[in-house]
Protein backbone atom coordinates (compact mmCIF):
# COMPACT_ATOMS: atom_id res chain seq x y z
CA MET A 1 119.09 92.34 100.75
CA PRO A 2 120.67 95.16 98.74
CA GLU A 3 120.56 94.37 95.04
CA LEU A 4 122.78 95.59 92.21
CA PRO A 5 121.51 99.23 92.16
CA GLU A 6 121.92 99.55 95.92
CA VAL A 7 125.44 98.06 95.92
CA GLU A 8 126.45 100.25 92.96
CA THR A 9 125.15 103.31 94.84
CA ILE A 10 127.17 102.33 97.92
CA LYS A 11 130.29 101.81 95.77
CA LYS A 12 129.98 105.29 94.26
CA ALA A 13 129.42 106.87 97.67
CA LEU A 14 132.46 105.10 99.14
CA GLU A 15 134.65 106.09 96.20
CA SER A 16 133.99 109.75 96.93
CA LEU A 17 134.91 109.31 100.61
CA ILE A 18 137.77 106.85 101.04
CA ILE A 19 139.90 106.83 97.88
CA GLY A 20 143.38 108.08 98.80
CA LYS A 21 142.78 107.52 102.53
CA LYS A 22 145.11 105.30 104.57
CA ILE A 23 144.00 102.75 107.22
CA ILE A 24 145.83 103.46 110.49
CA SER A 25 144.01 100.95 112.72
CA ILE A 26 141.11 98.50 112.65
CA ASP A 27 138.64 97.53 115.40
CA ILE A 28 137.19 94.07 114.71
CA LEU A 29 134.19 93.90 117.03
CA LYS A 30 132.72 90.76 115.45
CA PRO A 31 135.48 88.45 114.20
CA LYS A 32 132.96 85.97 112.72
CA LEU A 33 132.43 88.36 109.79
CA ILE A 34 136.03 87.84 108.63
CA LYS A 35 136.11 84.71 106.46
CA SER A 36 139.84 84.80 105.63
CA ASP A 37 142.73 84.50 108.11
CA LEU A 38 141.92 86.81 111.02
CA ASP A 39 145.51 87.60 112.10
CA SER A 40 146.70 88.64 108.65
CA PHE A 41 143.50 90.64 108.04
CA LYS A 42 144.68 93.35 110.44
CA THR A 43 148.39 93.16 109.89
CA LYS A 44 148.16 93.34 106.08
CA LEU A 45 145.55 96.11 105.93
CA ILE A 46 147.00 98.55 108.47
CA GLY A 47 149.06 101.18 106.66
CA LYS A 48 147.45 100.49 103.29
CA THR A 49 145.69 103.13 101.16
CA PHE A 50 142.38 102.72 99.30
CA LEU A 51 143.17 103.11 95.58
CA LYS A 52 139.87 102.32 93.86
CA MET A 53 136.66 100.33 94.16
CA SER A 54 134.86 97.87 91.90
CA ARG A 55 131.81 95.67 92.05
CA HIS A 56 130.50 92.43 90.57
CA GLY A 57 126.87 91.53 91.16
CA LYS A 58 126.33 92.20 94.85
CA TYR A 59 130.02 91.93 95.82
CA LEU A 60 132.07 95.04 96.67
CA PHE A 61 135.84 95.08 96.09
CA PHE A 62 138.16 97.55 97.87
CA HIS A 63 141.47 97.77 95.97
CA LEU A 64 144.44 98.86 98.12
CA ASP A 65 148.16 99.27 97.55
CA ASP A 66 150.48 96.27 97.63
CA GLU A 67 147.94 94.54 95.32
CA LEU A 68 145.53 93.82 98.20
CA VAL A 69 141.79 93.42 97.53
CA LEU A 70 139.22 93.45 100.33
CA VAL A 71 136.06 91.57 99.31
CA ASN A 72 132.76 92.46 101.00
CA HIS A 73 129.17 91.20 100.71
CA LEU A 74 126.51 93.13 102.63
CA ARG A 75 123.98 90.27 102.70
CA MET A 76 120.72 91.29 104.41
CA GLU A 77 121.52 94.27 106.60
CA GLY A 78 125.09 95.42 105.98
CA LYS A 79 125.60 99.18 105.66
CA TYR A 80 128.35 101.80 105.99
CA GLN A 81 128.87 105.04 107.89
CA PHE A 82 131.71 107.49 107.33
CA LYS A 83 132.29 109.89 110.19
CA HIS A 84 134.54 110.99 113.00
CA PRO A 85 134.30 108.15 115.55
CA ARG A 86 132.44 109.10 118.71
CA ASP A 87 133.20 107.89 122.20
CA GLU A 88 130.12 105.69 122.04
CA ILE A 89 130.28 102.82 119.53
CA GLU A 90 127.66 103.12 116.79
CA SER A 91 124.64 100.82 116.99
CA HIS A 92 125.42 97.44 115.37
CA ALA A 93 128.98 98.53 114.49
CA ARG A 94 130.96 95.38 113.64
CA ILE A 95 134.19 96.58 112.02
CA ILE A 96 135.73 100.07 112.21
CA PHE A 97 138.47 101.20 109.82
CA HIS A 98 140.22 104.26 111.32
CA LEU A 99 141.64 106.49 108.59
CA ASP A 100 144.50 108.96 108.45
CA ASP A 101 142.21 111.98 108.03
CA GLY A 102 140.68 111.41 111.47
CA ASN A 103 137.50 109.83 110.13
CA ALA A 104 136.41 106.22 110.33
CA LEU A 105 134.67 103.88 107.90
CA ILE A 106 132.20 101.95 110.08
CA TYR A 107 130.62 98.70 108.89
CA ARG A 108 127.27 98.06 110.61
CA ASP A 109 125.29 94.84 110.37
CA SER A 110 122.39 94.13 112.73
CA ARG A 111 121.99 90.50 111.65
CA MET A 112 125.68 89.78 111.00
CA PHE A 113 125.12 87.87 107.76
CA GLY A 114 127.66 90.00 105.88
CA MET A 115 131.22 88.91 105.18
CA TYR A 116 134.77 90.14 104.50
CA TYR A 117 137.57 88.26 102.78
CA LEU A 118 141.09 89.58 102.23
CA SER A 119 142.61 88.53 98.90
CA ASP A 120 144.86 90.07 96.24
CA GLU A 121 144.65 91.28 92.65
CA LEU A 122 145.87 87.98 91.27
CA HIS A 123 143.38 85.73 93.06
CA TYR A 124 140.24 87.62 94.12
CA GLN A 125 138.29 86.99 90.90
CA ASN A 126 139.03 83.27 91.20
CA LEU A 127 137.68 82.89 94.72
CA ASP A 128 135.01 80.17 94.58
CA PHE A 129 132.20 82.39 95.84
CA VAL A 130 133.14 85.21 93.41
CA LYS A 131 133.86 83.01 90.39
CA LYS A 132 130.46 81.32 90.47
CA VAL A 133 128.62 84.65 90.14
CA GLY A 134 127.35 85.02 86.58
CA LYS A 135 127.51 88.03 84.29
CA GLU A 136 125.49 91.15 85.01
CA PRO A 137 122.65 92.02 82.59
CA PHE A 138 124.77 94.82 81.07
CA PHE A 139 127.37 92.30 79.86
CA LEU A 140 125.06 89.48 78.72
CA ASP A 141 123.56 88.95 75.31
CA ALA A 142 120.12 87.38 74.95
CA LYS A 143 121.43 84.11 73.50
CA GLU A 144 123.82 83.57 76.41
CA LEU A 145 121.11 84.33 78.97
CA PHE A 146 118.70 82.05 77.08
CA ASN A 147 121.21 79.18 77.32
CA ASN A 148 121.72 79.85 81.04
CA ILE A 149 117.99 79.85 81.69
CA LYS A 150 117.44 76.63 79.74
CA LYS A 151 119.74 74.79 82.17
CA HIS A 152 116.85 74.99 84.66
CA PRO A 153 113.92 73.78 82.52
CA GLU A 154 111.49 72.84 85.30
CA THR A 155 112.10 75.91 87.46
CA GLU A 156 109.87 78.99 87.54
CA ILE A 157 111.43 81.96 85.73
CA LYS A 158 111.23 84.08 88.92
CA THR A 159 113.48 81.62 90.74
CA VAL A 160 115.86 81.26 87.78
CA LEU A 161 116.40 85.03 87.56
CA LEU A 162 117.19 85.15 91.29
CA ASN A 163 119.97 82.60 90.74
CA GLN A 164 123.19 84.66 90.78
CA GLU A 165 124.96 82.04 88.69
CA VAL A 166 122.45 82.58 85.86
CA ILE A 167 122.45 86.40 85.96
CA ALA A 168 124.15 88.56 88.57
CA GLY A 169 122.70 91.38 90.62
CA LEU A 170 118.95 90.79 90.38
CA GLY A 171 117.06 90.28 93.62
CA ASN A 172 113.40 90.09 94.60
CA ILE A 173 112.54 93.73 93.92
CA TYR A 174 114.00 94.02 90.44
CA VAL A 175 112.94 90.56 89.25
CA ASP A 176 109.30 91.42 90.06
CA GLU A 177 109.65 94.75 88.27
CA THR A 178 111.42 93.21 85.26
CA LEU A 179 108.85 90.45 84.78
CA PHE A 180 105.99 92.92 85.08
CA LYS A 181 107.48 95.17 82.39
CA SER A 182 108.09 92.04 80.28
CA ARG A 183 104.44 90.92 80.78
CA ILE A 184 105.62 87.44 81.76
CA ASN A 185 104.06 85.51 84.64
CA PRO A 186 106.71 84.69 87.29
CA CYS A 187 105.39 81.10 87.50
CA SER A 188 106.24 80.34 83.86
CA LYS A 189 108.56 77.35 83.65
CA ALA A 190 111.95 78.15 82.10
CA LYS A 191 111.56 75.43 79.47
CA TYR A 192 108.68 77.28 77.79
CA LEU A 193 110.46 80.61 77.28
CA THR A 194 111.61 81.49 73.76
CA LEU A 195 114.66 83.50 72.77
CA ASP A 196 112.32 86.43 72.09
CA ASP A 197 110.92 86.17 75.63
CA VAL A 198 114.43 86.19 77.09
CA SER A 199 115.43 89.16 74.90
CA VAL A 200 112.50 91.14 76.35
CA ILE A 201 113.46 90.13 79.91
CA LEU A 202 117.09 91.18 79.40
CA LYS A 203 116.13 94.53 77.85
CA ASN A 204 113.75 95.33 80.73
CA ALA A 205 116.18 94.16 83.41
CA ILE A 206 118.79 96.63 82.09
CA GLU A 207 116.22 99.44 81.93
CA VAL A 208 114.97 98.77 85.47
CA LEU A 209 118.47 98.53 86.95
CA ASN A 210 119.70 101.69 85.23
CA ALA A 211 116.65 103.63 86.41
CA ALA A 212 117.17 102.36 89.96
CA ILE A 213 120.88 103.27 89.94
CA LEU A 214 120.01 106.83 88.87
CA LYS A 215 117.78 107.17 91.94
CA GLY A 216 120.17 105.57 94.41
CA GLY A 217 118.34 102.26 94.72
CA SER A 218 115.16 101.41 96.63
CA THR A 219 114.76 101.94 100.37
CA ILE A 220 112.02 99.43 101.17
CA LYS A 221 112.90 98.45 104.72
CA SER A 222 116.35 99.17 106.09
CA TYR A 223 118.58 99.83 103.08
CA LYS A 224 120.64 103.02 103.27
CA SER A 225 123.36 103.91 100.77
CA ILE A 226 125.79 105.39 103.31
CA ASP A 227 125.39 107.52 106.43
CA ASP A 228 121.68 106.58 106.58
CA VAL A 229 120.84 108.17 103.20
CA ASP A 230 117.75 106.62 101.58
CA GLY A 231 117.38 105.58 97.98
CA HIS A 232 114.44 106.97 95.98
CA PHE A 233 113.54 104.37 93.34
CA GLN A 234 110.84 102.89 95.59
CA THR A 235 108.56 105.71 94.42
CA ASP A 236 108.88 104.38 90.85
CA LEU A 237 108.17 100.71 91.64
CA LEU A 238 105.22 99.39 89.67
CA VAL A 239 104.36 96.16 91.48
CA TYR A 240 106.83 95.19 94.20
CA GLY A 241 105.24 95.59 97.64
CA LYS A 242 101.88 96.60 96.13
CA ALA A 243 99.80 93.43 96.51
CA ASN A 244 96.04 94.09 96.23
CA GLU A 245 96.64 97.57 94.83
CA PRO A 246 95.34 98.24 91.28
CA CYS A 247 97.62 97.13 88.46
CA PRO A 248 99.08 100.27 86.82
CA ASN A 249 98.12 98.82 83.42
CA CYS A 250 94.68 97.25 83.82
CA ALA A 251 93.56 98.25 87.37
CA LYS A 252 92.96 94.62 88.40
CA PRO A 253 94.20 94.01 91.98
CA LEU A 254 97.80 92.80 91.96
CA LYS A 255 98.33 89.30 93.33
CA PHE A 256 100.83 88.14 95.92
CA MET A 257 102.20 84.64 96.26
CA LYS A 258 105.35 82.87 97.33
CA ILE A 259 107.52 81.19 94.72
CA ASN A 260 110.19 78.99 96.23
CA GLY A 261 109.77 80.90 99.49
CA ARG A 262 110.17 84.37 97.93
CA GLY A 263 107.32 86.87 98.09
CA THR A 264 106.15 87.73 94.58
CA THR A 265 103.80 90.46 93.37
CA TYR A 266 102.39 90.36 89.83
CA CYS A 267 99.32 90.96 87.68
CA SER A 268 97.69 87.72 86.58
CA ARG A 269 95.89 89.52 83.76
CA CYS A 270 98.80 91.45 82.23
CA GLN A 271 101.51 88.88 82.93
CA LYS A 272 100.55 85.86 80.86
CA LYS A 273 101.92 82.51 81.92
CA ILE A 274 103.96 80.91 79.18
CA GLY A 275 103.38 77.20 78.60
CA GLN A 276 101.14 75.03 80.77
CA LYS A 277 98.37 76.91 82.58
CA PHE A 278 96.22 76.02 85.58
CA ILE A 279 92.76 77.53 85.27
CA ALA A 280 90.00 77.77 87.88
CA VAL A 281 86.34 78.23 87.00
CA THR A 282 84.32 79.55 89.93
CA GLY A 283 80.92 81.04 90.67
CA LEU A 284 77.76 80.52 92.67
CA TYR A 285 75.71 77.34 92.59
CA GLY A 286 73.65 77.25 89.40
CA SER A 287 75.66 79.93 87.59
CA GLY A 288 76.82 77.64 84.78
CA LYS A 289 80.34 76.79 85.98
CA SER A 290 80.08 73.19 84.84
CA LYS A 291 79.06 74.16 81.30
CA VAL A 292 81.94 76.60 81.04
CA THR A 293 84.39 74.00 82.37
CA HIS A 294 83.23 71.38 79.86
CA LEU A 295 83.60 73.86 76.99
CA PHE A 296 87.35 73.78 77.71
CA GLU A 297 87.45 70.03 77.24
CA ASP A 298 89.37 69.41 74.04
CA ASN A 299 92.85 68.18 73.10
CA GLU A 300 94.53 71.02 74.98
CA TYR A 301 92.68 71.07 78.28
CA LYS A 302 92.13 68.44 80.95
CA ILE A 303 89.11 69.19 83.14
CA TYR A 304 88.23 68.32 86.73
CA SER A 305 85.53 69.22 89.22
CA CYS A 306 86.20 69.94 92.88
CA ASP A 307 82.77 68.52 93.70
CA SER A 308 83.96 65.15 92.37
CA ILE A 309 87.26 65.45 94.22
CA ILE A 310 85.41 66.28 97.47
CA LYS A 311 83.19 63.22 97.03
CA GLU A 312 86.33 61.11 96.66
CA LEU A 313 87.65 62.63 99.90
CA TYR A 314 84.49 61.62 101.72
CA ASP A 315 85.30 58.02 100.77
CA GLU A 316 88.63 58.21 102.58
CA LEU A 317 88.16 56.69 106.04
CA GLU A 318 90.15 59.32 107.92
CA ILE A 319 88.13 62.19 106.39
CA GLN A 320 84.88 60.28 106.74
CA ASP A 321 85.39 59.63 110.45
CA LYS A 322 86.10 63.29 111.14
CA VAL A 323 82.97 64.41 109.25
CA LEU A 324 80.70 61.87 110.94
CA THR A 325 81.98 62.97 114.34
CA LEU A 326 81.62 66.66 113.51
CA PHE A 327 77.96 66.34 112.46
CA ASN A 328 77.11 63.55 114.93
CA ILE A 329 75.72 61.34 112.16
CA GLU A 330 76.18 57.65 111.38
CA GLN A 331 76.52 57.94 107.60
CA ILE A 332 77.34 60.66 105.11
CA ASP A 333 74.22 62.63 104.20
CA PHE A 334 75.16 65.41 101.78
CA VAL A 335 71.82 67.22 101.93
CA ARG A 336 71.87 67.29 105.72
CA ILE A 337 75.49 68.44 105.83
CA ARG A 338 74.91 71.13 103.22
CA ASN A 339 71.88 72.65 104.89
CA ALA A 340 73.57 72.49 108.31
CA ILE A 341 76.64 74.45 107.22
CA PHE A 342 74.54 77.10 105.49
CA LYS A 343 72.94 77.90 108.84
CA ASP A 344 75.94 77.42 111.16
CA GLU A 345 79.16 79.31 110.38
CA LYS A 346 81.16 77.44 113.05
CA LEU A 347 80.22 74.07 111.58
CA ASP A 348 81.03 75.37 108.11
CA LYS A 349 84.48 76.51 109.24
CA LYS A 350 85.25 73.21 110.97
CA LEU A 351 84.24 71.23 107.89
CA LYS A 352 86.44 73.40 105.69
CA ASN A 353 89.38 72.83 108.03
CA ILE A 354 88.92 69.11 107.43
CA LEU A 355 88.40 69.22 103.67
CA TYR A 356 90.41 72.12 102.26
CA PRO A 357 93.96 70.98 103.13
CA ALA A 358 93.25 67.56 101.60
CA LEU A 359 91.60 69.20 98.57
CA LYS A 360 94.65 71.39 97.94
CA GLU A 361 96.92 68.34 98.03
CA LYS A 362 94.73 66.57 95.48
CA ILE A 363 94.78 69.58 93.17
CA LEU A 364 98.58 69.86 93.34
CA LYS A 365 98.84 66.18 92.39
CA ILE A 366 96.57 66.84 89.40
CA PHE A 367 98.84 69.68 88.28
CA LYS A 368 101.91 67.43 88.46
CA LYS A 369 100.14 64.65 86.59
CA HIS A 370 99.60 66.60 83.35
CA GLU A 371 101.72 68.44 80.80
CA GLU A 372 98.74 70.13 79.11
CA ASN A 373 96.53 72.93 80.43
CA VAL A 374 94.28 71.98 83.33
CA VAL A 375 90.85 73.48 84.08
CA ILE A 376 89.24 72.79 87.46
CA GLU A 377 85.77 73.82 88.53
CA VAL A 378 86.25 75.25 92.04
CA PRO A 379 82.95 76.58 93.47
CA LEU A 380 84.43 77.94 96.69
CA LEU A 381 87.75 79.10 95.29
CA PHE A 382 87.97 82.32 97.33
CA ASP A 383 86.55 80.79 100.51
CA ALA A 384 89.27 78.15 100.33
CA LYS A 385 91.90 80.82 99.60
CA MET A 386 93.02 78.79 96.59
CA GLU A 387 93.04 81.61 94.02
CA ASN A 388 96.83 81.86 94.10
CA MET A 389 97.16 78.19 93.20
CA PHE A 390 95.86 79.01 89.73
CA ASP A 391 97.32 81.04 86.89
CA VAL A 392 93.91 82.13 85.60
CA VAL A 393 90.59 82.58 87.42
CA ILE A 394 87.32 82.68 85.48
CA GLY A 395 84.22 83.86 87.33
CA VAL A 396 80.80 82.81 86.04
CA THR A 397 77.72 84.82 86.99
CA LEU A 398 73.99 84.55 86.42
CA PRO A 399 71.33 87.16 87.29
CA ASP A 400 69.86 86.45 90.74
CA ASP A 401 66.30 85.87 89.57
CA ARG A 402 67.34 83.38 86.91
CA ARG A 403 69.67 81.55 89.26
CA GLU A 404 67.01 81.23 91.98
CA LYS A 405 64.45 79.73 89.58
CA PHE A 406 67.05 77.41 88.09
CA ILE A 407 68.30 76.18 91.47
CA ILE A 408 64.85 75.63 92.96
CA ASN A 409 63.79 73.64 89.90
CA ARG A 410 66.99 71.62 89.95
CA ASP A 411 67.29 70.92 93.67
CA LYS A 412 64.16 71.00 95.82
CA SER A 413 66.15 70.02 98.93
CA LEU A 414 68.26 73.20 98.93
CA ASP A 415 67.35 76.01 101.31
CA TYR A 416 68.00 78.73 98.73
CA LYS A 417 67.75 81.69 101.11
CA ALA A 418 70.25 80.14 103.53
CA TYR A 419 72.53 79.33 100.63
CA TYR A 420 72.33 82.83 99.16
CA ASP A 421 72.98 84.47 102.55
CA ALA A 422 76.03 82.25 103.03
CA HIS A 423 77.55 82.89 99.60
CA ASN A 424 76.39 86.25 98.27
CA HIS A 425 79.83 87.70 99.08
CA PHE A 426 81.15 85.93 95.96
CA CYS A 427 80.31 89.08 93.99
CA ASP A 428 82.88 90.95 96.07
CA HIS A 429 85.57 88.77 94.48
CA LEU A 430 84.57 89.31 90.85
CA LYS A 431 87.15 92.09 90.48
CA GLU A 432 89.84 89.53 91.39
CA CYS A 433 88.87 87.26 88.49
CA ASP A 434 90.94 87.45 85.32
CA TYR A 435 87.83 86.88 83.22
CA VAL A 436 84.11 87.16 84.03
CA ILE A 437 81.45 85.40 81.96
CA THR A 438 77.82 86.42 82.39
CA ASN A 439 75.70 83.37 81.60
CA ASN A 440 72.50 84.29 79.79
CA LYS A 441 71.62 80.61 79.29
CA ASP A 442 72.55 80.77 75.62
CA GLU A 443 75.01 77.95 74.98
CA LYS A 444 76.31 79.58 71.78
CA HIS A 445 77.06 82.73 73.78
CA LEU A 446 78.93 80.67 76.40
CA ALA A 447 80.91 78.86 73.71
CA LYS A 448 81.95 82.20 72.13
CA GLU A 449 83.04 83.60 75.51
CA VAL A 450 85.14 80.51 76.26
CA LEU A 451 86.69 80.64 72.78
CA LYS A 452 87.68 84.28 73.36
CA ILE A 453 89.39 83.32 76.61
CA LYS A 454 91.19 80.39 74.96
CA GLU A 455 92.47 82.65 72.18
CA ASP A 456 93.63 85.24 74.70
CA LEU A 457 95.44 82.62 76.81
CA ASP A 458 97.22 81.22 73.78
CA ILE A 459 98.69 84.59 72.71
């Protein structure tokens, strides 16, 4: 959907083409796009001259003589062409305004989500759908935006900034860019943001929008300003559409997730989550994950272990029946199951399909249960594709030779070679971790490393 810079670019392009031109006829090829009275739409507009244009948020306003105002929203795919009409109707042409200079203003909309409404100078700003649109960033002060944001305390800041009643004109592209420049995690709940945080957001939103307007907006998919002319700001985008590419600040791979159904790209290292944080501690068996997790256990952090949660799942009859059937056993035997999945990838995958969805549900319930920070030991975080459920990922490593000796001494039943072959790809994910702790078996060293992370998270 075109956002404020794209709509402003279209407004400026139209001003240079249609101001002073008179409408001599109108072809309405898709009447459903006209949301006001269809009969008067034609009769009132024919013979009228375009005097000026204005915009509010993503709405375009065509001001004509006799105090008429034509309201337009492009929605997802609306775009304009200005040309001499050809014999063949343009692809996806929906409404054609024939002008007195022999040219035509053609509105095209492949998905037909756009709309037109004919109003007048006295009433157009009081139309319900126009009136509910909030102020643009350029006309807001930080205190006013802060108060607007605080009306949605439990909502993620990404979603709040997309709300056109809170702040007008920002869409998915420019919210991602604004939050990245503000170094604020898009999952931060609105209730935790301070006035200073909001001041930074507002300042960066204005900077991003102004820069985008100067370059004619961003052509990501199908946006064109007019006559199929691309925008150029997409070359300046820092994070939007760049999931898994290196962060321009720290080089860590950018993350992608969906927040309230909207695709979101951000850096989990540079963009700190404000308020409650969900932290995962992961690593290979015997690396020291449990020790690191327990070092977070104080008044601020609640800790959990996925191993314990999985054991609880095995006690649930529905899960238990599926596992017994899968392994053709009469009772749960963890050693047998573990060694079997190390050697058989298909069995391993089937077991994960049973356990992981239920595990994710349990973790989400834990998140909702607490107001404080939550740390969960998640051995197979990346295998389960759960990394995006957490705000912070801590990887714990141990040199191979030390880990092998430790594991063999601790668990004689484990086939270490089979285990290592099955999980040695964990090292490939270390670059995705926000923090990496190398465990040298010195508990004071571990405690210092955890303290450093705590201090960093609390900044």
